[in-house]
PDB file of N, CA and C in Angstrom:
ATOM      1  N   MET A   1    -124.467  73.626 -69.335  1.00  0.00           N
ATOM      2  CA  MET A   1    -124.486  72.298 -69.135  1.00  0.00           C
ATOM      3  C   MET A   1    -123.928  71.507 -70.351  1.00  0.00           C
ATOM      4  N   SER A   2    -123.079  70.509 -70.159  1.00  0.00           N
ATOM      5  CA  SER A   2    -122.217  70.140 -71.352  1.00  0.00           C
ATOM      6  C   SER A   2    -123.308  69.311 -72.424  1.00  0.00           C
ATOM      7  N   PHE A   3    -122.882  69.217 -73.497  1.00  0.00           N
ATOM      8  CA  PHE A   3    -123.588  68.741 -74.672  1.00  0.00           C
ATOM      9  C   PHE A   3    -123.901  67.079 -74.273  1.00  0.00           C
ATOM     10  N   LEU A   4    -123.048  66.293 -73.815  1.00  0.00           N
ATOM     11  CA  LEU A   4    -123.309  64.999 -73.452  1.00  0.00           C
ATOM     12  C   LEU A   4    -124.303  64.901 -72.370  1.00  0.00           C
ATOM     13  N   ARG A   5    -124.251  65.601 -71.293  1.00  0.00           N
ATOM     14  CA  ARG A   5    -125.068  65.538 -70.058  1.00  0.00           C
ATOM     15  C   ARG A   5    -126.492  65.884 -70.650  1.00  0.00           C
ATOM     16  N   LYS A   6    -126.574  66.830 -71.388  1.00  0.00           N
ATOM     17  CA  LYS A   6    -127.791  67.266 -71.918  1.00  0.00           C
ATOM     18  C   LYS A   6    -128.426  66.015 -72.903  1.00  0.00           C
ATOM     19  N   ILE A   7    -127.710  65.568 -73.709  1.00  0.00           N
ATOM     20  CA  ILE A   7    -128.145  64.534 -74.602  1.00  0.00           C
ATOM     21  C   ILE A   7    -128.612  63.077 -73.538  1.00  0.00           C
ATOM     22  N   PHE A   8    -128.021  62.766 -72.748  1.00  0.00           N
ATOM     23  CA  PHE A   8    -128.127  61.672 -72.012  1.00  0.00           C
ATOM     24  C   PHE A   8    -129.226  62.091 -70.749  1.00  0.00           C
ATOM     25  N   GLY A   9    -129.712  63.211 -70.653  1.00  0.00           N
ATOM     26  CA  GLY A   9    -130.676  63.676 -69.717  1.00  0.00           C
ATOM     27  C   GLY A   9    -130.083  63.708 -68.230  1.00  0.00           C
ATOM     28  N   LEU A  10    -128.893  63.851 -68.055  1.00  0.00           N
ATOM     29  CA  LEU A  10    -128.225  63.993 -66.746  1.00  0.00           C
ATOM     30  C   LEU A  10    -128.511  65.280 -66.103  1.00  0.00           C
ATOM     31  N   GLY A  11    -128.996  66.247 -66.710  1.00  0.00           N
ATOM     32  CA  GLY A  11    -129.219  67.595 -66.113  1.00  0.00           C
ATOM     33  C   GLY A  11    -127.960  68.276 -65.749  1.00  0.00           C
ATOM     34  N   PRO A  12    -128.118  69.452 -65.026  1.00  0.00           N
ATOM     35  CA  PRO A  12    -126.792  70.218 -64.568  1.00  0.00           C
ATOM     36  C   PRO A  12    -125.921  69.332 -63.702  1.00  0.00           C
ATOM     37  N   LYS A  13    -124.617  69.624 -63.678  1.00  0.00           N
ATOM     38  CA  LYS A  13    -123.623  69.215 -62.633  1.00  0.00           C
ATOM     39  C   LYS A  13    -124.187  69.510 -61.500  1.00  0.00           C
ATOM     40  N   VAL A  14    -123.999  68.759 -60.462  1.00  0.00           N
ATOM     41  CA  VAL A  14    -124.169  69.000 -58.908  1.00  0.00           C
ATOM     42  C   VAL A  14    -123.037  68.951 -58.120  1.00  0.00           C
ATOM     43  N   ASN A  15    -122.870  69.679 -57.239  1.00  0.00           N
ATOM     44  CA  ASN A  15    -121.729  69.602 -56.220  1.00  0.00           C
ATOM     45  C   ASN A  15    -122.216  68.969 -55.028  1.00  0.00           C
ATOM     46  N   HIS A  16    -121.974  67.749 -54.971  1.00  0.00           N
ATOM     47  CA  HIS A  16    -122.358  66.801 -54.034  1.00  0.00           C
ATOM     48  C   HIS A  16    -121.814  67.051 -52.575  1.00  0.00           C
ATOM     49  N   TYR A  17    -120.683  67.574 -52.535  1.00  0.00           N
ATOM     50  CA  TYR A  17    -120.007  67.912 -51.190  1.00  0.00           C
ATOM     51  C   TYR A  17    -120.827  69.148 -50.594  1.00  0.00           C
ATOM     52  N   GLU A  18    -121.104  70.088 -51.560  1.00  0.00           N
ATOM     53  CA  GLU A  18    -121.817  71.099 -50.984  1.00  0.00           C
ATOM     54  C   GLU A  18    -123.309  70.880 -50.576  1.00  0.00           C
ATOM     55  N   LEU A  19    -123.865  69.807 -51.058  1.00  0.00           N
ATOM     56  CA  LEU A  19    -125.093  69.306 -50.681  1.00  0.00           C
ATOM     57  C   LEU A  19    -125.037  68.914 -49.489  1.00  0.00           C
ATOM     58  N   ILE A  20    -124.082  67.914 -49.174  1.00  0.00           N
ATOM     59  CA  ILE A  20    -123.809  67.292 -47.799  1.00  0.00           C
ATOM     60  C   ILE A  20    -123.457  68.472 -46.698  1.00  0.00           C
ATOM     61  N   GLU A  21    -122.655  69.367 -47.015  1.00  0.00           N
ATOM     62  CA  GLU A  21    -122.359  70.388 -46.055  1.00  0.00           C
ATOM     63  C   GLU A  21    -123.376  71.194 -45.588  1.00  0.00           C
ATOM     64  N   ASN A  22    -124.420  71.342 -46.598  1.00  0.00           N
ATOM     65  CA  ASN A  22    -125.587  72.104 -46.182  1.00  0.00           C
ATOM     66  C   ASN A  22    -126.775  71.239 -45.831  1.00  0.00           C
ATOM     67  N   GLY A  23    -126.534  69.873 -45.329  1.00  0.00           N
ATOM     68  CA  GLY A  23    -127.554  69.062 -44.610  1.00  0.00           C
ATOM     69  C   GLY A  23    -128.056  67.951 -45.349  1.00  0.00           C
ATOM     70  N   ALA A  24    -127.594  67.644 -46.834  1.00  0.00           N
ATOM     71  CA  ALA A  24    -128.153  66.635 -47.500  1.00  0.00           C
ATOM     72  C   ALA A  24    -127.648  65.252 -46.320  1.00  0.00           C
ATOM     73  N   VAL A  25    -128.604  64.065 -46.754  1.00  0.00           N
ATOM     74  CA  VAL A  25    -128.139  62.740 -46.084  1.00  0.00           C
ATOM     75  C   VAL A  25    -127.365  61.952 -47.158  1.00  0.00           C
ATOM     76  N   LEU A  26    -126.231  61.460 -46.949  1.00  0.00           N
ATOM     77  CA  LEU A  26    -125.389  60.657 -47.732  1.00  0.00           C
ATOM     78  C   LEU A  26    -125.961  59.041 -47.243  1.00  0.00           C
ATOM     79  N   ILE A  27    -126.539  58.291 -48.279  1.00  0.00           N
ATOM     80  CA  ILE A  27    -126.917  57.079 -48.105  1.00  0.00           C
ATOM     81  C   ILE A  27    -126.045  56.119 -48.987  1.00  0.00           C
ATOM     82  N   ASP A  28    -125.486  55.179 -48.397  1.00  0.00           N
ATOM     83  CA  ASP A  28    -124.678  54.111 -49.008  1.00  0.00           C
ATOM     84  C   ASP A  28    -125.522  52.942 -49.467  1.00  0.00           C
ATOM     85  N   VAL A  29    -125.672  52.557 -50.733  1.00  0.00           N
ATOM     86  CA  VAL A  29    -126.705  51.588 -50.981  1.00  0.00           C
ATOM     87  C   VAL A  29    -126.003  50.199 -51.326  1.00  0.00           C
ATOM     88  N   ARG A  30    -124.696  50.060 -50.913  1.00  0.00           N
ATOM     89  CA  ARG A  30    -124.054  48.698 -50.874  1.00  0.00           C
ATOM     90  C   ARG A  30    -124.519  47.923 -49.870  1.00  0.00           C
ATOM     91  N   THR A  31    -124.311  46.477 -49.872  1.00  0.00           N
ATOM     92  CA  THR A  31    -124.678  45.450 -49.090  1.00  0.00           C
ATOM     93  C   THR A  31    -123.997  45.697 -47.667  1.00  0.00           C
ATOM     94  N   PRO A  32    -124.687  45.275 -46.501  1.00  0.00           N
ATOM     95  CA  PRO A  32    -124.041  45.521 -45.212  1.00  0.00           C
ATOM     96  C   PRO A  32    -122.668  45.295 -45.142  1.00  0.00           C
ATOM     97  N   SER A  33    -122.247  43.989 -45.905  1.00  0.00           N
ATOM     98  CA  SER A  33    -120.803  43.615 -45.663  1.00  0.00           C
ATOM     99  C   SER A  33    -119.906  44.455 -46.520  1.00  0.00           C
ATOM    100  N   GLU A  34    -120.333  45.018 -47.758  1.00  0.00           N
ATOM    101  CA  GLU A  34    -119.409  45.961 -48.373  1.00  0.00           C
ATOM    102  C   GLU A  34    -119.248  47.148 -47.519  1.00  0.00           C
ATOM    103  N   PHE A  35    -120.426  47.551 -46.841  1.00  0.00           N
ATOM    104  CA  PHE A  35    -120.505  48.887 -45.980  1.00  0.00           C
ATOM    105  C   PHE A  35    -119.407  48.691 -44.846  1.00  0.00           C
ATOM    106  N   LYS A  36    -119.225  47.464 -44.177  1.00  0.00           N
ATOM    107  CA  LYS A  36    -118.533  47.248 -43.076  1.00  0.00           C
ATOM    108  C   LYS A  36    -117.063  47.346 -43.503  1.00  0.00           C
ATOM    109  N   GLN A  37    -116.805  46.944 -44.741  1.00  0.00           N
ATOM    110  CA  GLN A  37    -115.363  47.081 -45.194  1.00  0.00           C
ATOM    111  C   GLN A  37    -115.021  48.460 -45.346  1.00  0.00           C
ATOM    112  N   GLY A  38    -115.622  49.316 -45.292  1.00  0.00           N
ATOM    113  CA  GLY A  38    -115.211  50.902 -45.504  1.00  0.00           C
ATOM    114  C   GLY A  38    -116.375  51.477 -45.941  1.00  0.00           C
ATOM    115  N   HIS A  39    -116.544  52.851 -45.485  1.00  0.00           N
ATOM    116  CA  HIS A  39    -117.549  53.691 -46.021  1.00  0.00           C
ATOM    117  C   HIS A  39    -117.201  55.013 -45.484  1.00  0.00           C
ATOM    118  N   ALA A  40    -117.805  56.268 -46.360  1.00  0.00           N
ATOM    119  CA  ALA A  40    -117.703  57.516 -45.878  1.00  0.00           C
ATOM    120  C   ALA A  40    -118.210  57.931 -44.476  1.00  0.00           C
ATOM    121  N   ASN A  41    -117.569  58.641 -43.646  1.00  0.00           N
ATOM    122  CA  ASN A  41    -118.124  59.185 -42.578  1.00  0.00           C
ATOM    123  C   ASN A  41    -119.434  59.752 -42.448  1.00  0.00           C
ATOM    124  N   GLY A  42    -120.366  59.180 -41.645  1.00  0.00           N
ATOM    125  CA  GLY A  42    -121.703  59.783 -41.548  1.00  0.00           C
ATOM    126  C   GLY A  42    -122.468  59.116 -42.607  1.00  0.00           C
ATOM    127  N   ALA A  43    -122.102  58.338 -43.382  1.00  0.00           N
ATOM    128  CA  ALA A  43    -123.164  57.720 -44.349  1.00  0.00           C
ATOM    129  C   ALA A  43    -123.845  56.617 -43.617  1.00  0.00           C
ATOM    130  N   LYS A  44    -125.168  56.687 -44.097  1.00  0.00           N
ATOM    131  CA  LYS A  44    -126.193  55.575 -43.601  1.00  0.00           C
ATOM    132  C   LYS A  44    -126.232  54.626 -44.614  1.00  0.00           C
ATOM    133  N   ASN A  45    -126.313  53.174 -44.219  1.00  0.00           N
ATOM    134  CA  ASN A  45    -126.297  52.076 -45.002  1.00  0.00           C
ATOM    135  C   ASN A  45    -127.616  51.781 -45.231  1.00  0.00           C
ATOM    136  N   VAL A  46    -128.338  51.853 -46.423  1.00  0.00           N
ATOM    137  CA  VAL A  46    -129.629  51.232 -47.011  1.00  0.00           C
ATOM    138  C   VAL A  46    -129.386  50.529 -48.176  1.00  0.00           C
ATOM    139  N   PRO A  47    -129.219  49.329 -48.104  1.00  0.00           N
ATOM    140  CA  PRO A  47    -129.038  48.469 -49.369  1.00  0.00           C
ATOM    141  C   PRO A  47    -130.056  48.699 -50.526  1.00  0.00           C
ATOM    142  N   LEU A  48    -129.619  48.592 -51.491  1.00  0.00           N
ATOM    143  CA  LEU A  48    -130.419  48.882 -52.852  1.00  0.00           C
ATOM    144  C   LEU A  48    -131.550  48.083 -52.772  1.00  0.00           C
ATOM    145  N   ASP A  49    -131.515  46.671 -52.466  1.00  0.00           N
ATOM    146  CA  ASP A  49    -132.565  45.849 -52.324  1.00  0.00           C
ATOM    147  C   ASP A  49    -133.625  46.206 -51.367  1.00  0.00           C
ATOM    148  N   THR A  50    -133.485  47.087 -50.471  1.00  0.00           N
ATOM    149  CA  THR A  50    -134.329  47.350 -49.537  1.00  0.00           C
ATOM    150  C   THR A  50    -134.884  48.975 -49.634  1.00  0.00           C
ATOM    151  N   ILE A  51    -134.293  49.610 -50.439  1.00  0.00           N
ATOM    152  CA  ILE A  51    -134.443  51.194 -50.505  1.00  0.00           C
ATOM    153  C   ILE A  51    -136.097  51.437 -50.876  1.00  0.00           C
ATOM    154  N   ALA A  52    -136.616  50.681 -51.712  1.00  0.00           N
ATOM    155  CA  ALA A  52    -138.099  50.768 -52.009  1.00  0.00           C
ATOM    156  C   ALA A  52    -138.957  50.723 -51.056  1.00  0.00           C
ATOM    157  N   ASN A  53    -138.570  49.769 -50.030  1.00  0.00           N
ATOM    158  CA  ASN A  53    -139.404  49.706 -48.854  1.00  0.00           C
ATOM    159  C   ASN A  53    -139.132  50.752 -47.801  1.00  0.00           C
ATOM    160  N   LYS A  54    -138.002  51.465 -48.051  1.00  0.00           N
ATOM    161  CA  LYS A  54    -137.667  52.693 -46.960  1.00  0.00           C
ATOM    162  C   LYS A  54    -138.001  53.878 -47.366  1.00  0.00           C
ATOM    163  N   VAL A  55    -138.893  54.123 -48.506  1.00  0.00           N
ATOM    164  CA  VAL A  55    -139.056  55.440 -49.113  1.00  0.00           C
ATOM    165  C   VAL A  55    -139.631  56.255 -48.077  1.00  0.00           C
ATOM    166  N   LYS A  56    -140.708  55.684 -47.324  1.00  0.00           N
ATOM    167  CA  LYS A  56    -141.496  56.528 -46.535  1.00  0.00           C
ATOM    168  C   LYS A  56    -140.606  56.944 -45.266  1.00  0.00           C
ATOM    169  N   LYS A  57    -139.543  56.245 -44.676  1.00  0.00           N
ATOM    170  CA  LYS A  57    -138.697  56.698 -43.805  1.00  0.00           C
ATOM    171  C   LYS A  57    -137.749  57.636 -44.324  1.00  0.00           C
ATOM    172  N   ILE A  58    -137.131  57.446 -45.586  1.00  0.00           N
ATOM    173  CA  ILE A  58    -136.276  58.562 -46.083  1.00  0.00           C
ATOM    174  C   ILE A  58    -137.111  59.916 -46.435  1.00  0.00           C
ATOM    175  N   GLU A  59    -138.317  59.650 -46.730  1.00  0.00           N
ATOM    176  CA  GLU A  59    -138.969  60.832 -46.935  1.00  0.00           C
ATOM    177  C   GLU A  59    -139.143  61.745 -45.648  1.00  0.00           C
ATOM    178  N   GLN A  60    -139.426  61.152 -44.312  1.00  0.00           N
ATOM    179  CA  GLN A  60    -139.541  61.661 -43.307  1.00  0.00           C
ATOM    180  C   GLN A  60    -138.301  62.472 -42.963  1.00  0.00           C
ATOM    181  N   LEU A  61    -137.053  62.274 -43.567  1.00  0.00           N
ATOM    182  CA  LEU A  61    -135.960  63.018 -43.238  1.00  0.00           C
ATOM    183  C   LEU A  61    -136.140  64.495 -43.530  1.00  0.00           C
ATOM    184  N   LYS A  62    -136.786  64.865 -44.529  1.00  0.00           N
ATOM    185  CA  LYS A  62    -137.141  66.024 -45.173  1.00  0.00           C
ATOM    186  C   LYS A  62    -135.839  66.758 -45.601  1.00  0.00           C
ATOM    187  N   LYS A  63    -134.768  66.044 -46.052  1.00  0.00           N
ATOM    188  CA  LYS A  63    -133.594  66.612 -46.553  1.00  0.00           C
ATOM    189  C   LYS A  63    -133.313  66.134 -47.991  1.00  0.00           C
ATOM    190  N   PRO A  64    -132.453  66.744 -48.718  1.00  0.00           N
ATOM    191  CA  PRO A  64    -131.902  66.142 -49.785  1.00  0.00           C
ATOM    192  C   PRO A  64    -131.110  64.968 -49.637  1.00  0.00           C
ATOM    193  N   ILE A  65    -131.084  63.900 -50.404  1.00  0.00           N
ATOM    194  CA  ILE A  65    -130.381  62.604 -50.480  1.00  0.00           C
ATOM    195  C   ILE A  65    -129.346  62.641 -51.553  1.00  0.00           C
ATOM    196  N   VAL A  66    -128.170  62.163 -51.057  1.00  0.00           N
ATOM    197  CA  VAL A  66    -127.018  61.812 -52.073  1.00  0.00           C
ATOM    198  C   VAL A  66    -126.680  60.696 -51.717  1.00  0.00           C
ATOM    199  N   LEU A  67    -126.857  59.576 -52.774  1.00  0.00           N
ATOM    200  CA  LEU A  67    -126.561  58.177 -52.885  1.00  0.00           C
ATOM    201  C   LEU A  67    -125.277  57.867 -53.423  1.00  0.00           C
ATOM    202  N   CYS A  68    -124.490  56.798 -52.812  1.00  0.00           N
ATOM    203  CA  CYS A  68    -123.393  56.336 -53.233  1.00  0.00           C
ATOM    204  C   CYS A  68    -123.247  54.685 -53.208  1.00  0.00           C
ATOM    205  N   CYS A  69    -122.391  54.098 -53.950  1.00  0.00           N
ATOM    206  CA  CYS A  69    -122.071  52.882 -53.881  1.00  0.00           C
ATOM    207  C   CYS A  69    -120.785  52.459 -54.296  1.00  0.00           C
ATOM    208  N   ARG A  70    -120.322  51.552 -54.963  1.00  0.00           N
ATOM    209  CA  ARG A  70    -119.147  51.137 -55.191  1.00  0.00           C
ATOM    210  C   ARG A  70    -118.474  51.889 -56.476  1.00  0.00           C
ATOM    211  N   SER A  71    -119.597  51.869 -57.641  1.00  0.00           N
ATOM    212  CA  SER A  71    -119.100  52.281 -58.877  1.00  0.00           C
ATOM    213  C   SER A  71    -120.062  53.472 -59.215  1.00  0.00           C
ATOM    214  N   GLY A  72    -121.344  53.539 -58.755  1.00  0.00           N
ATOM    215  CA  GLY A  72    -122.295  54.606 -59.055  1.00  0.00           C
ATOM    216  C   GLY A  72    -123.407  54.040 -59.811  1.00  0.00           C
ATOM    217  N   MET A  73    -123.328  52.591 -60.068  1.00  0.00           N
ATOM    218  CA  MET A  73    -124.516  52.122 -60.745  1.00  0.00           C
ATOM    219  C   MET A  73    -125.576  51.798 -59.938  1.00  0.00           C
ATOM    220  N   ARG A  74    -125.335  51.099 -58.630  1.00  0.00           N
ATOM    221  CA  ARG A  74    -126.468  50.972 -57.832  1.00  0.00           C
ATOM    222  C   ARG A  74    -127.173  52.244 -57.200  1.00  0.00           C
ATOM    223  N   SER A  75    -126.067  53.105 -56.922  1.00  0.00           N
ATOM    224  CA  SER A  75    -126.766  54.583 -56.482  1.00  0.00           C
ATOM    225  C   SER A  75    -127.561  55.182 -57.474  1.00  0.00           C
ATOM    226  N   GLY A  76    -127.235  54.978 -58.740  1.00  0.00           N
ATOM    227  CA  GLY A  76    -128.048  55.430 -59.865  1.00  0.00           C
ATOM    228  C   GLY A  76    -129.515  54.896 -59.767  1.00  0.00           C
ATOM    229  N   GLN A  77    -129.529  53.679 -59.762  1.00  0.00           N
ATOM    230  CA  GLN A  77    -130.838  52.891 -59.506  1.00  0.00           C
ATOM    231  C   GLN A  77    -131.641  53.358 -58.395  1.00  0.00           C
ATOM    232  N   ALA A  78    -130.981  53.751 -57.231  1.00  0.00           N
ATOM    233  CA  ALA A  78    -131.687  54.026 -55.951  1.00  0.00           C
ATOM    234  C   ALA A  78    -132.096  55.564 -56.185  1.00  0.00           C
ATOM    235  N   THR A  79    -131.333  56.354 -56.940  1.00  0.00           N
ATOM    236  CA  THR A  79    -131.730  57.745 -57.169  1.00  0.00           C
ATOM    237  C   THR A  79    -133.029  57.769 -57.826  1.00  0.00           C
ATOM    238  N   ALA A  80    -132.875  56.717 -58.940  1.00  0.00           N
ATOM    239  CA  ALA A  80    -134.321  56.846 -59.774  1.00  0.00           C
ATOM    240  C   ALA A  80    -135.480  56.537 -58.949  1.00  0.00           C
ATOM    241  N   ILE A  81    -135.259  55.334 -58.081  1.00  0.00           N
ATOM    242  CA  ILE A  81    -136.475  55.019 -57.291  1.00  0.00           C
ATOM    243  C   ILE A  81    -137.007  56.132 -56.402  1.00  0.00           C
ATOM    244  N   LEU A  82    -135.954  56.910 -55.650  1.00  0.00           N
ATOM    245  CA  LEU A  82    -136.347  57.974 -54.654  1.00  0.00           C
ATOM    246  C   LEU A  82    -136.860  59.229 -55.584  1.00  0.00           C
ATOM    247  N   LYS A  83    -136.333  59.525 -56.678  1.00  0.00           N
ATOM    248  CA  LYS A  83    -137.083  60.533 -57.378  1.00  0.00           C
ATOM    249  C   LYS A  83    -138.373  60.225 -57.874  1.00  0.00           C
ATOM    250  N   ARG A  84    -138.623  59.024 -58.308  1.00  0.00           N
ATOM    251  CA  ARG A  84    -139.896  58.604 -58.744  1.00  0.00           C
ATOM    252  C   ARG A  84    -141.275  58.783 -57.600  1.00  0.00           C
ATOM    253  N   ASN A  85    -140.425  58.748 -56.493  1.00  0.00           N
ATOM    254  CA  ASN A  85    -141.376  58.895 -55.276  1.00  0.00           C
ATOM    255  C   ASN A  85    -141.432  60.255 -54.663  1.00  0.00           C
ATOM    256  N   GLY A  86    -140.968  61.211 -55.548  1.00  0.00           N
ATOM    257  CA  GLY A  86    -140.840  62.590 -55.076  1.00  0.00           C
ATOM    258  C   GLY A  86    -139.805  62.959 -54.223  1.00  0.00           C
ATOM    259  N   ILE A  87    -138.756  62.367 -53.981  1.00  0.00           N
ATOM    260  CA  ILE A  87    -137.710  62.889 -52.984  1.00  0.00           C
ATOM    261  C   ILE A  87    -136.506  63.401 -53.896  1.00  0.00           C
ATOM    262  N   GLU A  88    -135.923  64.369 -53.324  1.00  0.00           N
ATOM    263  CA  GLU A  88    -134.894  65.110 -53.834  1.00  0.00           C
ATOM    264  C   GLU A  88    -133.625  64.200 -53.768  1.00  0.00           C
ATOM    265  N   ALA A  89    -133.237  63.744 -54.715  1.00  0.00           N
ATOM    266  CA  ALA A  89    -132.165  62.589 -54.881  1.00  0.00           C
ATOM    267  C   ALA A  89    -131.045  62.884 -55.829  1.00  0.00           C
ATOM    268  N   TYR A  90    -129.778  62.537 -55.431  1.00  0.00           N
ATOM    269  CA  TYR A  90    -128.703  62.822 -56.419  1.00  0.00           C
ATOM    270  C   TYR A  90    -127.878  61.542 -56.413  1.00  0.00           C
ATOM    271  N   ASN A  91    -127.346  61.186 -57.449  1.00  0.00           N
ATOM    272  CA  ASN A  91    -126.255  60.101 -57.579  1.00  0.00           C
ATOM    273  C   ASN A  91    -124.936  60.710 -57.248  1.00  0.00           C
ATOM    274  N   GLY A  92    -124.407  60.440 -56.157  1.00  0.00           N
ATOM    275  CA  GLY A  92    -123.058  60.662 -55.784  1.00  0.00           C
ATOM    276  C   GLY A  92    -121.890  59.890 -56.434  1.00  0.00           C
ATOM    277  N   GLY A  93    -122.302  58.658 -56.985  1.00  0.00           N
ATOM    278  CA  GLY A  93    -121.290  57.869 -57.585  1.00  0.00           C
ATOM    279  C   GLY A  93    -120.564  57.059 -56.486  1.00  0.00           C
ATOM    280  N   PRO A  94    -119.233  56.844 -56.672  1.00  0.00           N
ATOM    281  CA  PRO A  94    -118.485  56.026 -55.836  1.00  0.00           C
ATOM    282  C   PRO A  94    -118.353  56.464 -54.276  1.00  0.00           C
ATOM    283  N   TRP A  95    -118.471  55.511 -53.286  1.00  0.00           N
ATOM    284  CA  TRP A  95    -118.434  55.967 -51.931  1.00  0.00           C
ATOM    285  C   TRP A  95    -117.242  56.669 -51.621  1.00  0.00           C
ATOM    286  N   ASN A  96    -116.027  56.214 -52.080  1.00  0.00           N
ATOM    287  CA  ASN A  96    -114.729  56.508 -51.643  1.00  0.00           C
ATOM    288  C   ASN A  96    -114.394  57.918 -51.953  1.00  0.00           C
ATOM    289  N   LYS A  97    -115.171  58.622 -52.812  1.00  0.00           N
ATOM    290  CA  LYS A  97    -115.014  60.104 -53.113  1.00  0.00           C
ATOM    291  C   LYS A  97    -115.406  60.808 -51.868  1.00  0.00           C
ATOM    292  N   PHE A  98    -116.116  60.319 -51.044  1.00  0.00           N
ATOM    293  CA  PHE A  98    -116.715  60.921 -49.939  1.00  0.00           C
ATOM    294  C   PHE A  98    -115.981  60.570 -48.630  1.00  0.00           C
ATOM    295  N   ALA A  99    -115.050  59.687 -48.806  1.00  0.00           N
ATOM    296  CA  ALA A  99    -114.157  59.245 -47.597  1.00  0.00           C
ATOM    297  C   ALA A  99    -113.202  60.204 -47.100  1.00  0.00           C
TER     298      ALA A  99
END
């Protein structure tokens, strides 16, 4: 693990593509209008402002979750919400890297 990742508590680097290939669910937390303008194939749209209310539904998927948005900021917030609720979640960063 790199020194900076360790200092900032980011943990080990994760291969998000591999997680998705192995069954993880890709959730895009941008607004519905942003999502309609373009999104990664197979991504589900759950806007950040609704994710806390969808925890039970996401939990029922029983799969790891990779979150994305425009820049990685909102997906980082969503990742923290899901992790606090015991869900295996990863911040995938910008959606277009999955497109």
